[in-house]
PDB file of N, CA and C in Angstrom:
ATOM      1  N   MET A   1      15.880  19.716  31.812  1.00  0.00           N
ATOM      2  CA  MET A   1      16.228  19.883  30.803  1.00  0.00           C
ATOM      3  C   MET A   1      16.048  19.019  29.470  1.00  0.00           C
ATOM      4  N   VAL A   2      15.534  19.360  28.722  1.00  0.00           N
ATOM      5  CA  VAL A   2      15.012  18.028  27.810  1.00  0.00           C
ATOM      6  C   VAL A   2      15.806  18.484  26.291  1.00  0.00           C
ATOM      7  N   PHE A   3      16.299  17.217  26.128  1.00  0.00           N
ATOM      8  CA  PHE A   3      17.061  17.808  24.863  1.00  0.00           C
ATOM      9  C   PHE A   3      17.005  16.678  24.169  1.00  0.00           C
ATOM     10  N   ASP A   4      16.356  16.982  22.285  1.00  0.00           N
ATOM     11  CA  ASP A   4      15.811  15.792  21.337  1.00  0.00           C
ATOM     12  C   ASP A   4      17.208  15.963  20.485  1.00  0.00           C
ATOM     13  N   PRO A   5      17.827  14.689  20.448  1.00  0.00           N
ATOM     14  CA  PRO A   5      18.982  14.851  19.512  1.00  0.00           C
ATOM     15  C   PRO A   5      18.138  14.658  17.902  1.00  0.00           C
ATOM     16  N   ALA A   6      17.061  14.377  17.705  1.00  0.00           N
ATOM     17  CA  ALA A   6      16.428  14.457  16.049  1.00  0.00           C
ATOM     18  C   ALA A   6      15.585  15.553  16.298  1.00  0.00           C
ATOM     19  N   VAL A   7      15.470  16.669  16.609  1.00  0.00           N
ATOM     20  CA  VAL A   7      15.124  17.964  16.297  1.00  0.00           C
ATOM     21  C   VAL A   7      14.855  18.349  14.475  1.00  0.00           C
ATOM     22  N   TYR A   8      13.238  18.799  14.635  1.00  0.00           N
ATOM     23  CA  TYR A   8      13.183  18.650  12.927  1.00  0.00           C
ATOM     24  C   TYR A   8      12.699  20.368  13.130  1.00  0.00           C
ATOM     25  N   PHE A   9      12.405  20.796  12.079  1.00  0.00           N
ATOM     26  CA  PHE A   9      12.002  21.861  11.534  1.00  0.00           C
ATOM     27  C   PHE A   9      11.610  21.851  10.125  1.00  0.00           C
ATOM     28  N   GLY A  10      10.419  21.803  10.123  1.00  0.00           N
ATOM     29  CA  GLY A  10       9.826  21.637   8.358  1.00  0.00           C
ATOM     30  C   GLY A  10       8.434  22.081   8.180  1.00  0.00           C
ATOM     31  N   GLY A  11       8.099  21.803   7.052  1.00  0.00           N
ATOM     32  CA  GLY A  11       6.910  21.999   6.521  1.00  0.00           C
ATOM     33  C   GLY A  11       5.412  20.939   6.837  1.00  0.00           C
ATOM     34  N   ASP A  12       4.449  21.930   6.842  1.00  0.00           N
ATOM     35  CA  ASP A  12       3.390  20.800   7.690  1.00  0.00           C
ATOM     36  C   ASP A  12       3.243  19.183   6.554  1.00  0.00           C
ATOM     37  N   GLU A  13       3.744  19.580   5.603  1.00  0.00           N
ATOM     38  CA  GLU A  13       3.556  18.771   3.827  1.00  0.00           C
ATOM     39  C   GLU A  13       4.762  17.456   4.733  1.00  0.00           C
ATOM     40  N   ALA A  14       5.241  17.786   5.161  1.00  0.00           N
ATOM     41  CA  ALA A  14       6.702  16.647   5.804  1.00  0.00           C
ATOM     42  C   ALA A  14       5.922  15.822   6.941  1.00  0.00           C
ATOM     43  N   ASP A  15       5.264  16.577   7.900  1.00  0.00           N
ATOM     44  CA  ASP A  15       4.958  15.958   8.792  1.00  0.00           C
ATOM     45  C   ASP A  15       3.466  14.896   8.766  1.00  0.00           C
ATOM     46  N   LEU A  16       2.872  15.374   7.732  1.00  0.00           N
ATOM     47  CA  LEU A  16       1.851  14.654   7.732  1.00  0.00           C
ATOM     48  C   LEU A  16       2.358  13.346   6.883  1.00  0.00           C
ATOM     49  N   ALA A  17       2.968  13.869   6.107  1.00  0.00           N
ATOM     50  CA  ALA A  17       3.284  12.345   5.442  1.00  0.00           C
ATOM     51  C   ALA A  17       4.402  11.614   6.176  1.00  0.00           C
ATOM     52  N   MET A  18       4.891  12.040   7.291  1.00  0.00           N
ATOM     53  CA  MET A  18       5.368  10.788   7.832  1.00  0.00           C
ATOM     54  C   MET A  18       4.260  10.407   8.715  1.00  0.00           C
ATOM     55  N   THR A  19       3.288  10.995   9.341  1.00  0.00           N
ATOM     56  CA  THR A  19       2.062  10.241   9.760  1.00  0.00           C
ATOM     57  C   THR A  19       1.561   9.584   8.820  1.00  0.00           C
ATOM     58  N   GLU A  20       1.723   9.181   7.284  1.00  0.00           N
ATOM     59  CA  GLU A  20       0.882   8.570   6.861  1.00  0.00           C
ATOM     60  C   GLU A  20       1.881   7.314   6.670  1.00  0.00           C
ATOM     61  N   LEU A  21       3.096   7.288   6.720  1.00  0.00           N
ATOM     62  CA  LEU A  21       4.210   6.421   6.220  1.00  0.00           C
ATOM     63  C   LEU A  21       4.233   5.298   7.874  1.00  0.00           C
ATOM     64  N   LEU A  22       3.878   6.082   8.898  1.00  0.00           N
ATOM     65  CA  LEU A  22       4.079   5.147  10.120  1.00  0.00           C
ATOM     66  C   LEU A  22       2.463   4.405  10.171  1.00  0.00           C
ATOM     67  N   ARG A  23       1.275   4.834   9.491  1.00  0.00           N
ATOM     68  CA  ARG A  23      -0.119   4.609   9.419  1.00  0.00           C
ATOM     69  C   ARG A  23      -0.622   4.186  10.977  1.00  0.00           C
ATOM     70  N   GLY A  24      -0.547   5.102  11.875  1.00  0.00           N
ATOM     71  CA  GLY A  24      -1.007   4.676  13.283  1.00  0.00           C
ATOM     72  C   GLY A  24      -1.615   5.612  14.224  1.00  0.00           C
ATOM     73  N   PHE A  25      -2.235   6.666  12.999  1.00  0.00           N
ATOM     74  CA  PHE A  25      -2.608   7.885  13.431  1.00  0.00           C
ATOM     75  C   PHE A  25      -4.402   8.043  13.389  1.00  0.00           C
ATOM     76  N   GLY A  26      -4.596   6.736  12.050  1.00  0.00           N
ATOM     77  CA  GLY A  26      -5.924   7.033  11.573  1.00  0.00           C
ATOM     78  C   GLY A  26      -6.978   8.452  11.819  1.00  0.00           C
ATOM     79  N   GLN A  27      -8.472   7.865  11.432  1.00  0.00           N
ATOM     80  CA  GLN A  27      -8.537   9.033  10.673  1.00  0.00           C
ATOM     81  C   GLN A  27      -9.230  10.321  11.619  1.00  0.00           C
ATOM     82  N   LYS A  28      -9.194   9.361  12.999  1.00  0.00           N
ATOM     83  CA  LYS A  28      -9.221  10.782  14.028  1.00  0.00           C
ATOM     84  C   LYS A  28      -8.342  12.302  14.322  1.00  0.00           C
ATOM     85  N   PHE A  29      -7.413  11.803  13.295  1.00  0.00           N
ATOM     86  CA  PHE A  29      -6.225  12.876  13.148  1.00  0.00           C
ATOM     87  C   PHE A  29      -6.108  13.164  11.812  1.00  0.00           C
ATOM     88  N   THR A  30      -6.088  11.923  11.222  1.00  0.00           N
ATOM     89  CA  THR A  30      -5.471  12.836   9.366  1.00  0.00           C
ATOM     90  C   THR A  30      -6.844  13.433   9.065  1.00  0.00           C
ATOM     91  N   VAL A  31      -8.332  13.408   9.272  1.00  0.00           N
ATOM     92  CA  VAL A  31      -9.506  14.089   8.785  1.00  0.00           C
ATOM     93  C   VAL A  31      -9.470  15.771   9.005  1.00  0.00           C
ATOM     94  N   PRO A  32      -9.508  15.803  10.110  1.00  0.00           N
ATOM     95  CA  PRO A  32      -9.002  17.223  11.092  1.00  0.00           C
ATOM     96  C   PRO A  32      -8.174  18.128  10.477  1.00  0.00           C
ATOM     97  N   THR A  33      -6.681  17.611  10.961  1.00  0.00           N
ATOM     98  CA  THR A  33      -5.494  17.907  10.133  1.00  0.00           C
ATOM     99  C   THR A  33      -5.424  17.979   8.613  1.00  0.00           C
ATOM    100  N   SER A  34      -6.133  17.130   7.716  1.00  0.00           N
ATOM    101  CA  SER A  34      -6.206  17.425   6.400  1.00  0.00           C
ATOM    102  C   SER A  34      -7.390  18.689   6.040  1.00  0.00           C
ATOM    103  N   ASP A  35      -8.237  19.134   6.831  1.00  0.00           N
ATOM    104  CA  ASP A  35      -9.976  20.181   6.866  1.00  0.00           C
ATOM    105  C   ASP A  35      -8.806  21.491   7.403  1.00  0.00           C
ATOM    106  N   ALA A  36      -8.058  21.401   8.529  1.00  0.00           N
ATOM    107  CA  ALA A  36      -7.471  22.537   8.498  1.00  0.00           C
ATOM    108  C   ALA A  36      -6.864  22.714   7.910  1.00  0.00           C
ATOM    109  N   TRP A  37      -5.276  22.100   7.444  1.00  0.00           N
ATOM    110  CA  TRP A  37      -4.589  22.579   6.649  1.00  0.00           C
ATOM    111  C   TRP A  37      -3.998  21.516   5.587  1.00  0.00           C
ATOM    112  N   PRO A  38      -5.154  21.662   4.442  1.00  0.00           N
ATOM    113  CA  PRO A  38      -5.107  20.943   3.216  1.00  0.00           C
ATOM    114  C   PRO A  38      -3.734  20.913   2.706  1.00  0.00           C
ATOM    115  N   PRO A  39      -3.595  20.030   1.914  1.00  0.00           N
ATOM    116  CA  PRO A  39      -1.766  19.521   1.576  1.00  0.00           C
ATOM    117  C   PRO A  39      -2.205  20.667   0.313  1.00  0.00           C
ATOM    118  N   ASP A  40      -1.125  21.131  -0.324  1.00  0.00           N
ATOM    119  CA  ASP A  40      -0.963  21.698  -1.593  1.00  0.00           C
ATOM    120  C   ASP A  40      -0.842  20.772  -2.692  1.00  0.00           C
ATOM    121  N   ALA A  41      -1.566  21.048  -4.037  1.00  0.00           N
ATOM    122  CA  ALA A  41      -1.721  20.378  -5.013  1.00  0.00           C
ATOM    123  C   ALA A  41      -0.177  20.070  -5.253  1.00  0.00           C
ATOM    124  N   GLY A  42      -0.156  17.933  -5.650  1.00  0.00           N
ATOM    125  CA  GLY A  42       1.098  17.841  -5.737  1.00  0.00           C
ATOM    126  C   GLY A  42       1.315  17.067  -4.635  1.00  0.00           C
ATOM    127  N   TYR A  43       0.888  17.041  -3.737  1.00  0.00           N
ATOM    128  CA  TYR A  43       1.135  16.598  -2.724  1.00  0.00           C
ATOM    129  C   TYR A  43       1.862  14.864  -2.132  1.00  0.00           C
ATOM    130  N   SER A  44       1.152  14.660  -3.212  1.00  0.00           N
ATOM    131  CA  SER A  44       1.016  12.479  -3.049  1.00  0.00           C
ATOM    132  C   SER A  44       2.382  12.363  -3.452  1.00  0.00           C
ATOM    133  N   THR A  45       2.900  13.474  -4.672  1.00  0.00           N
ATOM    134  CA  THR A  45       4.449  12.886  -5.332  1.00  0.00           C
ATOM    135  C   THR A  45       5.775  13.660  -3.964  1.00  0.00           C
ATOM    136  N   ARG A  46       5.303  14.642  -3.485  1.00  0.00           N
ATOM    137  CA  ARG A  46       6.176  15.191  -2.260  1.00  0.00           C
ATOM    138  C   ARG A  46       6.307  14.101  -0.632  1.00  0.00           C
ATOM    139  N   ARG A  47       5.012  14.070  -0.774  1.00  0.00           N
ATOM    140  CA  ARG A  47       4.905  12.660  -0.074  1.00  0.00           C
ATOM    141  C   ARG A  47       5.877  11.580  -0.134  1.00  0.00           C
ATOM    142  N   ASN A  48       5.889  10.832  -1.181  1.00  0.00           N
ATOM    143  CA  ASN A  48       6.353   9.604  -1.138  1.00  0.00           C
ATOM    144  C   ASN A  48       8.001  10.691  -1.625  1.00  0.00           C
ATOM    145  N   LEU A  49       8.698  11.541  -1.642  1.00  0.00           N
ATOM    146  CA  LEU A  49       9.944  11.996  -1.523  1.00  0.00           C
ATOM    147  C   LEU A  49      10.033  11.871  -0.170  1.00  0.00           C
ATOM    148  N   TYR A  50       9.325  12.857   0.399  1.00  0.00           N
ATOM    149  CA  TYR A  50       9.622  13.009   2.130  1.00  0.00           C
ATOM    150  C   TYR A  50       9.798  11.455   2.743  1.00  0.00           C
ATOM    151  N   ASN A  51       9.083  10.622   2.427  1.00  0.00           N
ATOM    152  CA  ASN A  51       9.164   9.570   3.020  1.00  0.00           C
ATOM    153  C   ASN A  51      10.289   8.398   2.137  1.00  0.00           C
ATOM    154  N   LEU A  52      10.429   8.785   1.167  1.00  0.00           N
ATOM    155  CA  LEU A  52      11.668   7.780   0.616  1.00  0.00           C
ATOM    156  C   LEU A  52      13.075   8.309   1.993  1.00  0.00           C
ATOM    157  N   TYR A  53      12.819   9.390   2.282  1.00  0.00           N
ATOM    158  CA  TYR A  53      14.179   9.662   3.054  1.00  0.00           C
ATOM    159  C   TYR A  53      14.280   8.969   4.239  1.00  0.00           C
ATOM    160  N   HIS A  54      13.369   9.355   4.927  1.00  0.00           N
ATOM    161  CA  HIS A  54      13.052   8.381   6.184  1.00  0.00           C
ATOM    162  C   HIS A  54      13.537   6.622   5.894  1.00  0.00           C
ATOM    163  N   VAL A  55      12.727   6.248   5.052  1.00  0.00           N
ATOM    164  CA  VAL A  55      12.856   4.525   4.657  1.00  0.00           C
ATOM    165  C   VAL A  55      14.132   4.738   4.226  1.00  0.00           C
ATOM    166  N   LEU A  56      14.705   5.194   3.381  1.00  0.00           N
ATOM    167  CA  LEU A  56      16.338   5.183   3.406  1.00  0.00           C
ATOM    168  C   LEU A  56      17.143   5.222   4.656  1.00  0.00           C
ATOM    169  N   ASN A  57      16.891   6.057   5.525  1.00  0.00           N
ATOM    170  CA  ASN A  57      17.644   6.304   6.460  1.00  0.00           C
ATOM    171  C   ASN A  57      17.426   5.621   7.249  1.00  0.00           C
ATOM    172  N   HIS A  58      16.360   4.405   7.607  1.00  0.00           N
ATOM    173  CA  HIS A  58      16.220   2.850   8.330  1.00  0.00           C
ATOM    174  C   HIS A  58      16.777   1.767   7.532  1.00  0.00           C
ATOM    175  N   LEU A  59      16.949   2.098   6.202  1.00  0.00           N
ATOM    176  CA  LEU A  59      17.261   1.204   5.305  1.00  0.00           C
ATOM    177  C   LEU A  59      18.966   1.152   5.304  1.00  0.00           C
ATOM    178  N   ASN A  60      19.418   2.474   5.850  1.00  0.00           N
ATOM    179  CA  ASN A  60      20.687   2.358   6.174  1.00  0.00           C
ATOM    180  C   ASN A  60      21.558   1.894   7.994  1.00  0.00           C
ATOM    181  N   LEU A  61      20.086   2.316   8.535  1.00  0.00           N
ATOM    182  CA  LEU A  61      20.639   1.779  10.299  1.00  0.00           C
ATOM    183  C   LEU A  61      19.846   0.752  10.381  1.00  0.00           C
ATOM    184  N   LEU A  62      18.439   0.253   9.993  1.00  0.00           N
ATOM    185  CA  LEU A  62      18.493  -1.294  10.575  1.00  0.00           C
ATOM    186  C   LEU A  62      18.583  -2.471   9.634  1.00  0.00           C
ATOM    187  N   GLY A  63      19.182  -1.931   7.978  1.00  0.00           N
ATOM    188  CA  GLY A  63      18.922  -3.256   7.024  1.00  0.00           C
ATOM    189  C   GLY A  63      18.165  -3.363   6.301  1.00  0.00           C
ATOM    190  N   VAL A  64      18.130  -4.874   5.431  1.00  0.00           N
ATOM    191  CA  VAL A  64      17.744  -4.827   4.317  1.00  0.00           C
ATOM    192  C   VAL A  64      16.566  -4.848   4.200  1.00  0.00           C
ATOM    193  N   SER A  65      15.768  -5.048   5.571  1.00  0.00           N
ATOM    194  CA  SER A  65      13.903  -5.090   5.648  1.00  0.00           C
ATOM    195  C   SER A  65      13.631  -4.193   4.793  1.00  0.00           C
ATOM    196  N   TYR A  66      13.965  -3.173   4.649  1.00  0.00           N
ATOM    197  CA  TYR A  66      13.786  -1.715   4.414  1.00  0.00           C
ATOM    198  C   TYR A  66      13.739  -1.314   2.886  1.00  0.00           C
ATOM    199  N   LEU A  67      14.524  -2.513   2.177  1.00  0.00           N
ATOM    200  CA  LEU A  67      14.694  -2.392   0.336  1.00  0.00           C
ATOM    201  C   LEU A  67      13.497  -2.659   0.085  1.00  0.00           C
ATOM    202  N   PRO A  68      12.251  -3.193   0.060  1.00  0.00           N
ATOM    203  CA  PRO A  68      11.360  -3.468  -0.958  1.00  0.00           C
ATOM    204  C   PRO A  68      10.667  -1.768  -0.805  1.00  0.00           C
ATOM    205  N   GLN A  69      10.609  -1.472   0.411  1.00  0.00           N
ATOM    206  CA  GLN A  69       9.863  -0.456   0.460  1.00  0.00           C
ATOM    207  C   GLN A  69      10.584   0.909  -0.173  1.00  0.00           C
ATOM    208  N   SER A  70      11.770   0.685  -0.136  1.00  0.00           N
ATOM    209  CA  SER A  70      12.520   1.934  -0.833  1.00  0.00           C
ATOM    210  C   SER A  70      12.257   1.649  -1.830  1.00  0.00           C
ATOM    211  N   LYS A  71      12.636   0.296  -2.628  1.00  0.00           N
ATOM    212  CA  LYS A  71      12.434   0.359  -4.222  1.00  0.00           C
ATOM    213  C   LYS A  71      11.448   0.648  -4.590  1.00  0.00           C
ATOM    214  N   GLN A  72      10.241   0.324  -3.715  1.00  0.00           N
ATOM    215  CA  GLN A  72       8.638   1.037  -4.224  1.00  0.00           C
ATOM    216  C   GLN A  72       8.382   2.326  -4.432  1.00  0.00           C
ATOM    217  N   LEU A  73       9.144   3.062  -3.314  1.00  0.00           N
ATOM    218  CA  LEU A  73       8.990   4.501  -3.156  1.00  0.00           C
ATOM    219  C   LEU A  73       9.772   4.812  -4.186  1.00  0.00           C
ATOM    220  N   ILE A  74      10.773   4.664  -5.040  1.00  0.00           N
ATOM    221  CA  ILE A  74      11.991   5.249  -5.917  1.00  0.00           C
ATOM    222  C   ILE A  74      11.134   4.859  -7.052  1.00  0.00           C
ATOM    223  N   LEU A  75      10.282   3.813  -7.092  1.00  0.00           N
ATOM    224  CA  LEU A  75       9.613   3.394  -8.472  1.00  0.00           C
ATOM    225  C   LEU A  75       8.613   4.445  -8.953  1.00  0.00           C
ATOM    226  N   ARG A  76       7.627   5.120  -7.614  1.00  0.00           N
ATOM    227  CA  ARG A  76       6.978   5.340  -7.807  1.00  0.00           C
ATOM    228  C   ARG A  76       7.229   6.719  -7.988  1.00  0.00           C
ATOM    229  N   LEU A  77       8.271   7.735  -7.628  1.00  0.00           N
ATOM    230  CA  LEU A  77       8.612   8.717  -7.931  1.00  0.00           C
ATOM    231  C   LEU A  77       9.256   8.797  -9.232  1.00  0.00           C
ATOM    232  N   LEU A  78       9.710   7.595 -10.033  1.00  0.00           N
ATOM    233  CA  LEU A  78      10.407   7.678 -11.182  1.00  0.00           C
ATOM    234  C   LEU A  78       9.428   7.515 -12.159  1.00  0.00           C
ATOM    235  N   ALA A  79       8.262   6.823 -11.856  1.00  0.00           N
ATOM    236  CA  ALA A  79       6.920   6.881 -12.539  1.00  0.00           C
ATOM    237  C   ALA A  79       6.108   8.149 -12.955  1.00  0.00           C
ATOM    238  N   GLU A  80       6.476   9.054 -11.663  1.00  0.00           N
ATOM    239  CA  GLU A  80       5.405  10.299 -11.908  1.00  0.00           C
ATOM    240  C   GLU A  80       6.530  11.575 -12.470  1.00  0.00           C
ATOM    241  N   VAL A  81       7.757  10.945 -12.898  1.00  0.00           N
ATOM    242  CA  VAL A  81       8.406  12.002 -13.867  1.00  0.00           C
ATOM    243  C   VAL A  81       8.577  11.987 -14.924  1.00  0.00           C
ATOM    244  N   ARG A  82       8.215  10.854 -15.351  1.00  0.00           N
ATOM    245  CA  ARG A  82       7.888  10.169 -16.852  1.00  0.00           C
ATOM    246  C   ARG A  82       6.433  10.834 -17.334  1.00  0.00           C
TER     247      ARG A  82
END
């Protein structure tokens, strides 16, 4: 039996955003994925919001090294709202 304590059920865009946050997947993954499931309009804003959740979680659990990235994402989101 396998137990995953971090199970997640969500949309394709949230998964895609996570791969872009980690930057370890490369074009062999992102190009076919984007071709098969192209993100809807406004994805870049939602990507920042999806990734902010993970970065804030890392800030909370792992410390202040994630503070600059958190601030950067927050500023991007605020700039898009204005």
